[in-house]
Amino acid sequence: MPDTGAIWRGLTAGFVASGAMSVLRLAAHRAGLIERMVPQELHAEVTGIDPSADTPAHQFGAELLHHAVGALAAGLFAALAPRRPRAAHGVALGLALWAVDVGALIPALRVVRVGGHAVDFAAHALYGAMVALAVSQLAEQRRTPKPRALRLRRVG
């Protein structure tokens, strides 16, 4: 039977890592390295919204889709990976997802890329490393007994 705790840690880690990945892509957009993020293209294909619309609702929908996919992939990863995966495990996950992105998703969306490969590669590698780090850290957090009285803790 799968470790449900590991799956929840993976879902959480994937959600967090997808956000880090999006921030990297937004920075690449600001620097003029990419025109649009892959999740925006996917969301446009699923909803039929013109990708050039770039409305706040379209951007939010694209991020929801991106975070859902990232969380599910990391949940599966955490169910199969060691309890405290190393960064190399996570980067392998990220680059496997990148291969699916480049080999199947982008062609299925009929997007002709004229750049952005390095950004996409780096974003997926970052995602994977962040997943491994977050899964490991979540696994290491101590379970503390329910406090009977006010206790001081290092919370950040």
N, C-alpha and C. Protein backbone atom coordinates (compact mmCIF):
# COMPACT_ATOMS: atom_id res chain seq x y z
N MET A 1 0.85 -1.19 0.00
CA MET A 1 0.00 0.00 0.00
C MET A 1 0.90 1.25 0.00
N PRO A 2 0.56 2.21 -0.83
CA PRO A 2 1.40 3.42 -0.90
C PRO A 2 1.37 4.21 0.40
N ASP A 3 2.47 4.86 0.67
CA ASP A 3 2.61 5.71 1.85
C ASP A 3 1.86 7.02 1.58
N THR A 4 0.71 7.19 2.18
CA THR A 4 -0.08 8.40 1.92
C THR A 4 0.63 9.65 2.43
N GLY A 5 1.42 9.51 3.48
CA GLY A 5 2.20 10.65 3.96
C GLY A 5 3.18 11.13 2.90
N ALA A 6 3.83 10.17 2.22
CA ALA A 6 4.77 10.53 1.16
C ALA A 6 4.03 11.21 0.01
N ILE A 7 2.87 10.71 -0.32
CA ILE A 7 2.09 11.32 -1.41
C ILE A 7 1.72 12.75 -1.07
N TRP A 8 1.27 12.97 0.17
CA TRP A 8 0.91 14.35 0.58
C TRP A 8 2.14 15.25 0.58
N ARG A 9 3.28 14.72 1.03
CA ARG A 9 4.52 15.53 0.99
C ARG A 9 4.86 15.87 -0.45
N GLY A 10 4.69 14.91 -1.35
CA GLY A 10 4.97 15.16 -2.76
C GLY A 10 4.04 16.18 -3.37
N LEU A 11 2.75 16.08 -3.06
CA LEU A 11 1.79 17.05 -3.57
C LEU A 11 2.15 18.46 -3.11
N THR A 12 2.50 18.57 -1.83
CA THR A 12 2.89 19.87 -1.28
C THR A 12 4.16 20.38 -1.96
N ALA A 13 5.15 19.50 -2.07
CA ALA A 13 6.42 19.88 -2.69
C ALA A 13 6.23 20.31 -4.14
N GLY A 14 5.40 19.59 -4.87
CA GLY A 14 5.15 19.92 -6.27
C GLY A 14 4.46 21.26 -6.43
N PHE A 15 3.55 21.55 -5.52
CA PHE A 15 2.85 22.84 -5.56
C PHE A 15 3.85 23.97 -5.35
N VAL A 16 4.72 23.81 -4.35
CA VAL A 16 5.73 24.83 -4.05
C VAL A 16 6.72 24.97 -5.21
N ALA A 17 7.20 23.85 -5.71
CA ALA A 17 8.20 23.86 -6.78
C ALA A 17 7.64 24.44 -8.08
N SER A 18 6.37 24.21 -8.35
CA SER A 18 5.75 24.79 -9.55
C SER A 18 5.75 26.30 -9.48
N GLY A 19 5.56 26.83 -8.28
CA GLY A 19 5.63 28.29 -8.10
C GLY A 19 7.02 28.82 -8.38
N ALA A 20 8.04 28.12 -7.88
CA ALA A 20 9.43 28.54 -8.13
C ALA A 20 9.73 28.50 -9.63
N MET A 21 9.23 27.47 -10.29
CA MET A 21 9.43 27.33 -11.73
C MET A 21 8.77 28.49 -12.48
N SER A 22 7.58 28.86 -12.07
CA SER A 22 6.87 29.97 -12.71
C SER A 22 7.60 31.28 -12.51
N VAL A 23 8.17 31.49 -11.32
CA VAL A 23 8.91 32.72 -11.06
C VAL A 23 10.12 32.81 -11.99
N LEU A 24 10.81 31.68 -12.18
CA LEU A 24 11.95 31.68 -13.10
C LEU A 24 11.48 32.04 -14.52
N ARG A 25 10.36 31.49 -14.94
CA ARG A 25 9.85 31.78 -16.29
C ARG A 25 9.39 33.24 -16.40
N LEU A 26 8.78 33.77 -15.35
CA LEU A 26 8.38 35.17 -15.39
C LEU A 26 9.59 36.09 -15.50
N ALA A 27 10.66 35.73 -14.81
CA ALA A 27 11.89 36.51 -14.92
C ALA A 27 12.45 36.42 -16.33
N ALA A 28 12.37 35.25 -16.94
CA ALA A 28 12.84 35.07 -18.32
C ALA A 28 11.98 35.89 -19.29
N HIS A 29 10.69 35.97 -19.00
CA HIS A 29 9.80 36.79 -19.82
C HIS A 29 10.19 38.25 -19.70
N ARG A 30 10.41 38.69 -18.48
CA ARG A 30 10.79 40.09 -18.25
C ARG A 30 12.10 40.42 -18.96
N ALA A 31 13.02 39.46 -18.99
CA ALA A 31 14.31 39.67 -19.65
C ALA A 31 14.21 39.54 -21.17
N GLY A 32 13.03 39.20 -21.68
CA GLY A 32 12.85 39.08 -23.12
C GLY A 32 13.31 37.75 -23.70
N LEU A 33 13.54 36.76 -22.84
CA LEU A 33 14.01 35.47 -23.32
C LEU A 33 12.89 34.58 -23.85
N ILE A 34 11.68 34.77 -23.32
CA ILE A 34 10.52 34.02 -23.79
C ILE A 34 9.36 34.98 -23.99
N GLU A 35 8.44 34.58 -24.85
CA GLU A 35 7.27 35.39 -25.13
C GLU A 35 6.11 35.03 -24.21
N ARG A 36 6.01 33.75 -23.89
CA ARG A 36 4.89 33.25 -23.12
C ARG A 36 5.34 31.96 -22.44
N MET A 37 4.69 31.58 -21.37
CA MET A 37 5.04 30.37 -20.65
C MET A 37 4.25 29.18 -21.20
N VAL A 38 4.83 27.99 -21.11
CA VAL A 38 4.18 26.79 -21.62
C VAL A 38 2.79 26.61 -20.99
N PRO A 39 2.61 26.79 -19.67
CA PRO A 39 1.26 26.63 -19.11
C PRO A 39 0.23 27.58 -19.75
N GLN A 40 0.66 28.76 -20.16
CA GLN A 40 -0.28 29.68 -20.82
C GLN A 40 -0.72 29.12 -22.16
N GLU A 41 0.20 28.50 -22.90
CA GLU A 41 -0.15 27.88 -24.19
C GLU A 41 -1.08 26.70 -23.97
N LEU A 42 -0.79 25.88 -22.97
CA LEU A 42 -1.65 24.73 -22.67
C LEU A 42 -3.04 25.18 -22.26
N HIS A 43 -3.11 26.18 -21.40
CA HIS A 43 -4.41 26.69 -20.96
C HIS A 43 -5.20 27.23 -22.14
N ALA A 44 -4.53 27.92 -23.05
CA ALA A 44 -5.20 28.45 -24.23
C ALA A 44 -5.76 27.31 -25.08
N GLU A 45 -5.01 26.23 -25.22
CA GLU A 45 -5.47 25.08 -26.01
C GLU A 45 -6.68 24.43 -25.35
N VAL A 46 -6.64 24.28 -24.03
CA VAL A 46 -7.73 23.62 -23.30
C VAL A 46 -9.00 24.47 -23.30
N THR A 47 -8.85 25.78 -23.15
CA THR A 47 -10.01 26.66 -23.02
C THR A 47 -10.45 27.32 -24.32
N GLY A 48 -9.54 27.35 -25.29
CA GLY A 48 -9.85 28.03 -26.54
C GLY A 48 -9.64 29.53 -26.48
N ILE A 49 -9.08 30.02 -25.38
CA ILE A 49 -8.81 31.45 -25.24
C ILE A 49 -7.58 31.80 -26.06
N ASP A 50 -7.64 32.88 -26.80
CA ASP A 50 -6.51 33.34 -27.60
C ASP A 50 -5.34 33.63 -26.66
N PRO A 51 -4.17 32.98 -26.89
CA PRO A 51 -3.03 33.20 -25.99
C PRO A 51 -2.59 34.65 -25.89
N SER A 52 -2.87 35.45 -26.90
CA SER A 52 -2.44 36.85 -26.85
C SER A 52 -3.35 37.67 -25.94
N ALA A 53 -4.45 37.08 -25.45
CA ALA A 53 -5.38 37.81 -24.58
C ALA A 53 -4.70 38.19 -23.26
N ASP A 54 -3.90 37.27 -22.72
CA ASP A 54 -3.17 37.50 -21.48
C ASP A 54 -3.98 38.25 -20.42
N THR A 55 -5.23 37.88 -20.27
CA THR A 55 -6.04 38.48 -19.22
C THR A 55 -5.63 37.89 -17.88
N PRO A 56 -5.88 38.58 -16.79
CA PRO A 56 -5.54 38.03 -15.48
C PRO A 56 -6.20 36.67 -15.23
N ALA A 57 -7.43 36.49 -15.68
CA ALA A 57 -8.09 35.20 -15.47
C ALA A 57 -7.39 34.09 -16.26
N HIS A 58 -6.93 34.41 -17.47
CA HIS A 58 -6.20 33.43 -18.28
C HIS A 58 -4.89 33.06 -17.58
N GLN A 59 -4.19 34.04 -17.06
CA GLN A 59 -2.93 33.79 -16.37
C GLN A 59 -3.15 32.95 -15.11
N PHE A 60 -4.21 33.26 -14.37
CA PHE A 60 -4.52 32.50 -13.15
C PHE A 60 -4.89 31.06 -13.51
N GLY A 61 -5.70 30.89 -14.54
CA GLY A 61 -6.06 29.55 -14.98
C GLY A 61 -4.85 28.74 -15.41
N ALA A 62 -3.94 29.40 -16.11
CA ALA A 62 -2.72 28.72 -16.54
C ALA A 62 -1.89 28.28 -15.33
N GLU A 63 -1.79 29.13 -14.32
CA GLU A 63 -1.03 28.77 -13.12
C GLU A 63 -1.72 27.67 -12.33
N LEU A 64 -3.04 27.69 -12.25
CA LEU A 64 -3.75 26.60 -11.57
C LEU A 64 -3.46 25.27 -12.25
N LEU A 65 -3.53 25.28 -13.57
CA LEU A 65 -3.24 24.07 -14.33
C LEU A 65 -1.79 23.62 -14.09
N HIS A 66 -0.87 24.57 -14.13
CA HIS A 66 0.54 24.26 -13.93
C HIS A 66 0.80 23.69 -12.55
N HIS A 67 0.22 24.30 -11.53
CA HIS A 67 0.42 23.82 -10.16
C HIS A 67 -0.21 22.45 -9.96
N ALA A 68 -1.35 22.21 -10.58
CA ALA A 68 -2.00 20.89 -10.45
C ALA A 68 -1.13 19.80 -11.07
N VAL A 69 -0.62 20.05 -12.27
CA VAL A 69 0.25 19.07 -12.92
C VAL A 69 1.52 18.86 -12.11
N GLY A 70 2.12 19.96 -11.66
CA GLY A 70 3.34 19.86 -10.86
C GLY A 70 3.13 19.11 -9.55
N ALA A 71 2.01 19.36 -8.89
CA ALA A 71 1.71 18.67 -7.64
C ALA A 71 1.48 17.18 -7.87
N LEU A 72 0.73 16.84 -8.91
CA LEU A 72 0.46 15.43 -9.18
C LEU A 72 1.74 14.67 -9.55
N ALA A 73 2.58 15.28 -10.37
CA ALA A 73 3.84 14.62 -10.75
C ALA A 73 4.72 14.40 -9.52
N ALA A 74 4.79 15.39 -8.65
CA ALA A 74 5.62 15.26 -7.45
C ALA A 74 5.00 14.28 -6.46
N GLY A 75 3.68 14.21 -6.41
CA GLY A 75 3.03 13.23 -5.54
C GLY A 75 3.38 11.81 -5.95
N LEU A 76 3.37 11.55 -7.25
CA LEU A 76 3.76 10.25 -7.76
C LEU A 76 5.24 9.99 -7.48
N PHE A 77 6.05 11.00 -7.72
CA PHE A 77 7.49 10.91 -7.45
C PHE A 77 7.74 10.53 -5.99
N ALA A 78 7.09 11.23 -5.06
CA ALA A 78 7.32 10.98 -3.64
C ALA A 78 6.85 9.59 -3.22
N ALA A 79 5.83 9.07 -3.89
CA ALA A 79 5.36 7.73 -3.58
C ALA A 79 6.38 6.67 -3.99
N LEU A 80 7.18 6.98 -5.01
CA LEU A 80 8.14 6.01 -5.55
C LEU A 80 9.58 6.25 -5.11
N ALA A 81 9.90 7.47 -4.75
CA ALA A 81 11.28 7.86 -4.43
C ALA A 81 11.62 7.51 -2.98
N PRO A 82 12.91 7.58 -2.65
CA PRO A 82 13.29 7.41 -1.24
C PRO A 82 12.62 8.47 -0.36
N ARG A 83 12.51 8.19 0.92
CA ARG A 83 11.86 9.13 1.85
C ARG A 83 12.52 10.50 1.82
N ARG A 84 13.83 10.52 1.69
CA ARG A 84 14.57 11.79 1.60
C ARG A 84 15.37 11.79 0.30
N PRO A 85 14.72 12.11 -0.80
CA PRO A 85 15.42 12.06 -2.09
C PRO A 85 16.51 13.11 -2.19
N ARG A 86 17.55 12.78 -2.93
CA ARG A 86 18.63 13.74 -3.17
C ARG A 86 18.22 14.64 -4.33
N ALA A 87 18.95 15.74 -4.46
CA ALA A 87 18.68 16.70 -5.54
C ALA A 87 18.74 16.01 -6.90
N ALA A 88 19.67 15.07 -7.06
CA ALA A 88 19.81 14.37 -8.35
C ALA A 88 18.53 13.62 -8.71
N HIS A 89 17.86 13.04 -7.72
CA HIS A 89 16.59 12.37 -7.97
C HIS A 89 15.56 13.38 -8.51
N GLY A 90 15.51 14.51 -7.86
CA GLY A 90 14.55 15.54 -8.26
C GLY A 90 14.85 16.11 -9.63
N VAL A 91 16.13 16.38 -9.90
CA VAL A 91 16.49 16.91 -11.21
C VAL A 91 16.13 15.89 -12.29
N ALA A 92 16.32 14.60 -12.01
CA ALA A 92 15.92 13.56 -12.97
C ALA A 92 14.41 13.64 -13.23
N LEU A 93 13.62 13.84 -12.18
CA LEU A 93 12.17 14.02 -12.36
C LEU A 93 11.89 15.22 -13.24
N GLY A 94 12.50 16.34 -12.91
CA GLY A 94 12.26 17.56 -13.68
C GLY A 94 12.63 17.41 -15.14
N LEU A 95 13.75 16.77 -15.41
CA LEU A 95 14.18 16.62 -16.80
C LEU A 95 13.35 15.57 -17.55
N ALA A 96 12.82 14.58 -16.83
CA ALA A 96 11.88 13.64 -17.46
C ALA A 96 10.61 14.39 -17.88
N LEU A 97 10.13 15.27 -17.02
CA LEU A 97 8.95 16.08 -17.38
C LEU A 97 9.28 17.02 -18.53
N TRP A 98 10.51 17.56 -18.55
CA TRP A 98 10.94 18.42 -19.65
C TRP A 98 10.91 17.64 -20.97
N ALA A 99 11.37 16.38 -20.94
CA ALA A 99 11.37 15.55 -22.15
C ALA A 99 9.94 15.34 -22.66
N VAL A 100 9.00 15.13 -21.75
CA VAL A 100 7.59 15.00 -22.15
C VAL A 100 7.10 16.33 -22.73
N ASP A 101 7.49 17.41 -22.10
CA ASP A 101 7.13 18.76 -22.56
C ASP A 101 7.60 18.98 -24.00
N VAL A 102 8.89 18.72 -24.22
CA VAL A 102 9.49 18.97 -25.54
C VAL A 102 9.05 17.94 -26.57
N GLY A 103 8.97 16.67 -26.15
CA GLY A 103 8.68 15.61 -27.11
C GLY A 103 7.23 15.38 -27.41
N ALA A 104 6.34 15.76 -26.50
CA ALA A 104 4.92 15.47 -26.71
C ALA A 104 4.01 16.69 -26.57
N LEU A 105 4.17 17.42 -25.47
CA LEU A 105 3.23 18.51 -25.19
C LEU A 105 3.33 19.65 -26.19
N ILE A 106 4.52 20.17 -26.40
CA ILE A 106 4.70 21.30 -27.32
C ILE A 106 4.25 20.92 -28.74
N PRO A 107 4.66 19.75 -29.26
CA PRO A 107 4.16 19.37 -30.59
C PRO A 107 2.63 19.20 -30.63
N ALA A 108 2.06 18.65 -29.55
CA ALA A 108 0.60 18.48 -29.52
C ALA A 108 -0.13 19.81 -29.53
N LEU A 109 0.49 20.83 -28.94
CA LEU A 109 -0.11 22.17 -28.92
C LEU A 109 0.14 22.91 -30.23
N ARG A 110 0.90 22.29 -31.13
CA ARG A 110 1.23 22.89 -32.43
C ARG A 110 1.95 24.24 -32.25
N VAL A 111 2.82 24.29 -31.24
CA VAL A 111 3.61 25.49 -31.00
C VAL A 111 4.96 25.30 -31.69
N VAL A 112 5.30 26.24 -32.53
CA VAL A 112 6.61 26.21 -33.18
C VAL A 112 7.52 27.10 -32.36
N ARG A 113 8.48 26.48 -31.73
CA ARG A 113 9.39 27.23 -30.87
C ARG A 113 10.49 27.88 -31.69
N VAL A 114 10.76 29.11 -31.34
CA VAL A 114 11.89 29.80 -31.94
C VAL A 114 12.90 30.17 -30.85
N GLY A 115 12.74 29.63 -29.71
CA GLY A 115 13.62 29.89 -28.58
C GLY A 115 12.97 29.41 -27.31
N GLY A 116 13.61 29.67 -26.21
CA GLY A 116 13.05 29.31 -24.91
C GLY A 116 13.45 27.93 -24.43
N HIS A 117 14.20 27.18 -25.24
CA HIS A 117 14.59 25.83 -24.82
C HIS A 117 15.40 25.83 -23.54
N ALA A 118 16.38 26.71 -23.46
CA ALA A 118 17.24 26.77 -22.27
C ALA A 118 16.44 27.17 -21.04
N VAL A 119 15.52 28.10 -21.21
CA VAL A 119 14.68 28.53 -20.08
C VAL A 119 13.82 27.36 -19.61
N ASP A 120 13.22 26.64 -20.54
CA ASP A 120 12.36 25.51 -20.20
C ASP A 120 13.17 24.41 -19.51
N PHE A 121 14.36 24.13 -20.03
CA PHE A 121 15.24 23.12 -19.43
C PHE A 121 15.60 23.52 -18.00
N ALA A 122 16.04 24.76 -17.82
CA ALA A 122 16.44 25.24 -16.49
C ALA A 122 15.25 25.25 -15.53
N ALA A 123 14.08 25.64 -16.02
CA ALA A 123 12.90 25.69 -15.16
C ALA A 123 12.52 24.29 -14.67
N HIS A 124 12.61 23.30 -15.54
CA HIS A 124 12.29 21.93 -15.13
C HIS A 124 13.34 21.36 -14.18
N ALA A 125 14.61 21.68 -14.41
CA ALA A 125 15.65 21.23 -13.50
C ALA A 125 15.45 21.87 -12.12
N LEU A 126 15.13 23.16 -12.09
CA LEU A 126 14.85 23.85 -10.83
C LEU A 126 13.66 23.21 -10.13
N TYR A 127 12.59 22.96 -10.88
CA TYR A 127 11.40 22.32 -10.31
C TYR A 127 11.79 21.01 -9.62
N GLY A 128 12.54 20.17 -10.32
CA GLY A 128 12.91 18.87 -9.75
C GLY A 128 13.75 19.00 -8.50
N ALA A 129 14.73 19.89 -8.53
CA ALA A 129 15.57 20.10 -7.35
C ALA A 129 14.74 20.60 -6.18
N MET A 130 13.80 21.50 -6.46
CA MET A 130 12.94 22.04 -5.40
C MET A 130 12.02 20.94 -4.85
N VAL A 131 11.52 20.07 -5.71
CA VAL A 131 10.67 18.96 -5.24
C VAL A 131 11.47 18.09 -4.27
N ALA A 132 12.67 17.70 -4.66
CA ALA A 132 13.49 16.84 -3.80
C ALA A 132 13.77 17.52 -2.46
N LEU A 133 14.14 18.79 -2.51
CA LEU A 133 14.42 19.53 -1.28
C LEU A 133 13.18 19.58 -0.38
N ALA A 134 12.05 19.94 -0.96
CA ALA A 134 10.82 20.08 -0.16
C ALA A 134 10.35 18.74 0.39
N VAL A 135 10.40 17.68 -0.41
CA VAL A 135 9.99 16.36 0.08
C VAL A 135 10.88 15.95 1.24
N SER A 136 12.19 16.15 1.09
CA SER A 136 13.13 15.79 2.16
C SER A 136 12.86 16.59 3.43
N GLN A 137 12.70 17.89 3.28
CA GLN A 137 12.47 18.74 4.45
C GLN A 137 11.15 18.42 5.13
N LEU A 138 10.12 18.16 4.35
CA LEU A 138 8.83 17.82 4.95
C LEU A 138 8.90 16.48 5.68
N ALA A 139 9.70 15.55 5.15
CA ALA A 139 9.87 14.25 5.81
C ALA A 139 10.64 14.37 7.12
N GLU A 140 11.52 15.37 7.20
CA GLU A 140 12.35 15.53 8.39
C GLU A 140 11.67 16.31 9.51
N GLN A 141 10.62 17.02 9.19
CA GLN A 141 9.97 17.82 10.23
C GLN A 141 9.47 16.91 11.34
N ARG A 142 9.78 17.30 12.55
CA ARG A 142 9.36 16.51 13.70
C ARG A 142 7.87 16.66 13.92
N ARG A 143 7.30 15.60 14.35
CA ARG A 143 5.91 15.68 14.79
C ARG A 143 5.95 16.03 16.27
N THR A 144 5.39 17.15 16.59
CA THR A 144 5.42 17.58 17.99
C THR A 144 4.09 17.26 18.63
N PRO A 145 4.13 16.92 19.90
CA PRO A 145 2.86 16.65 20.58
C PRO A 145 2.02 17.92 20.65
N LYS A 146 0.72 17.72 20.78
CA LYS A 146 -0.17 18.87 20.91
C LYS A 146 0.23 19.66 22.16
N PRO A 147 0.42 20.96 21.97
CA PRO A 147 0.87 21.76 23.13
C PRO A 147 -0.23 21.87 24.18
N ARG A 148 0.19 21.68 25.44
CA ARG A 148 -0.75 21.84 26.54
C ARG A 148 -0.77 23.28 27.01
N ALA A 149 0.30 23.96 26.73
CA ALA A 149 0.40 25.36 27.13
C ALA A 149 1.17 26.08 26.02
N LEU A 150 1.22 27.37 26.13
CA LEU A 150 1.95 28.17 25.15
C LEU A 150 3.41 27.75 25.13
N ARG A 151 3.90 27.45 23.95
CA ARG A 151 5.30 27.06 23.81
C ARG A 151 5.96 27.96 22.79
N LEU A 152 7.17 28.32 23.07
CA LEU A 152 7.94 29.12 22.13
C LEU A 152 8.56 28.19 21.10
N ARG A 153 8.45 28.58 19.84
CA ARG A 153 9.03 27.77 18.75
C ARG A 153 9.67 28.68 17.74
N ARG A 154 10.62 28.15 17.02
CA ARG A 154 11.21 28.88 15.90
C ARG A 154 10.33 28.64 14.68
N VAL A 155 9.54 29.62 14.36
CA VAL A 155 8.62 29.50 13.23
C VAL A 155 8.94 30.63 12.28
N GLY A 156 9.16 30.31 10.99
CA GLY A 156 9.53 31.34 10.03
C GLY A 156 8.66 31.37 8.83
